[in-house]
Amino acid sequence: MILITGASGQVGCAVIQALSKIGIETKAFIHRVSNTEKVEEAGATEVFVGDMSEKKDLRDTLHGVDTVYYICSAANT
């Protein structure tokens, strides 16, 4: 299973779609529940809603993951 951070963005959705097409399972890490449908439609096998600045969320989302595709935000918050 590959974890995709920034999964609801343009690049994240494209990565999920590409991996899904070749049969690779993905877990989408998103920050907002409202983006769940978007990443599911892109082909995410699992969706995890959390905050990357929270150690517990990072620990929980990494369960069952072999690889992480880290997409950082282009926006400064």
Protein backbone atom coordinates (compact mmCIF):
# COMPACT_ATOMS: atom_id res chain seq x y z
CA MET A 1 0.00 0.00 0.00
CA ILE A 2 1.29 3.46 -0.91
CA LEU A 3 0.39 6.47 1.23
CA ILE A 4 -0.20 9.65 -0.76
CA THR A 5 0.05 12.89 1.20
CA GLY A 6 -1.57 15.97 -0.30
CA ALA A 7 -3.89 13.46 -1.93
CA SER A 8 -6.78 15.82 -2.67
CA GLY A 9 -4.68 18.21 -4.74
CA GLN A 10 -4.16 18.09 -8.49
CA VAL A 11 -0.90 16.10 -8.29
CA GLY A 12 -2.17 13.82 -5.53
CA CYS A 13 -5.30 12.86 -7.45
CA ALA A 14 -3.24 12.25 -10.61
CA VAL A 15 -0.85 9.96 -8.70
CA ILE A 16 -3.77 8.04 -7.17
CA GLN A 17 -5.39 7.61 -10.60
CA ALA A 18 -2.15 6.41 -12.21
CA LEU A 19 -1.42 3.90 -9.44
CA SER A 20 -5.01 2.69 -9.35
CA LYS A 21 -4.95 2.00 -13.10
CA ILE A 22 -2.07 -0.43 -12.65
CA GLY A 23 -3.63 -2.12 -9.63
CA ILE A 24 -1.63 -0.56 -6.82
CA GLU A 25 -3.53 0.14 -3.60
CA THR A 26 -3.28 3.66 -2.21
CA LYS A 27 -4.16 5.36 1.03
CA ALA A 28 -5.05 9.03 0.65
CA PHE A 29 -3.97 11.29 3.53
CA ILE A 30 -6.22 14.34 3.52
CA HIS A 31 -6.81 17.18 5.94
CA ARG A 32 -10.53 17.79 5.33
CA VAL A 33 -13.40 15.29 5.43
CA SER A 34 -15.02 17.26 2.60
CA ASN A 35 -12.32 15.96 0.21
CA THR A 36 -13.09 12.29 0.87
CA GLU A 37 -15.33 11.81 -2.17
CA LYS A 38 -12.77 13.46 -4.46
CA VAL A 39 -9.96 11.03 -3.56
CA GLU A 40 -12.29 8.03 -3.58
CA GLU A 41 -13.37 8.97 -7.11
CA ALA A 42 -9.68 9.20 -8.07
CA GLY A 43 -9.33 5.57 -6.97
CA ALA A 44 -7.96 5.67 -3.42
CA THR A 45 -8.30 2.30 -1.73
CA GLU A 46 -8.39 3.90 1.74
CA VAL A 47 -8.80 7.45 3.01
CA PHE A 48 -7.29 8.85 6.19
CA VAL A 49 -8.33 12.26 7.47
CA GLY A 50 -5.79 13.81 9.79
CA ASP A 51 -3.20 16.44 10.54
CA MET A 52 0.42 15.82 9.56
CA SER A 53 1.61 17.89 12.51
CA GLU A 54 0.04 15.36 14.91
CA LYS A 55 2.32 12.41 15.73
CA LYS A 56 -0.66 10.14 16.47
CA ASP A 57 -2.18 10.83 13.04
CA LEU A 58 1.13 10.08 11.34
CA ARG A 59 1.54 6.85 13.29
CA ASP A 60 -2.04 5.77 12.57
CA THR A 61 -1.93 6.49 8.85
CA LEU A 62 1.34 4.61 8.36
CA HIS A 63 -0.23 1.34 9.53
CA GLY A 64 -0.09 -1.11 6.60
CA VAL A 65 1.89 1.28 4.38
CA ASP A 66 5.02 0.16 2.51
CA THR A 67 5.85 3.40 0.70
CA VAL A 68 5.04 7.09 1.11
CA TYR A 69 4.63 9.51 -1.79
CA TYR A 70 5.08 12.85 -0.04
CA ILE A 71 3.49 15.80 -1.83
CA CYS A 72 4.04 19.04 0.03
CA SER A 73 1.67 21.97 -0.23
CA ALA A 74 2.60 24.82 -2.53
CA ALA A 75 0.76 27.22 -0.21
CA ASN A 76 2.32 28.74 2.87
CA THR A 77 -0.02 28.59 5.84
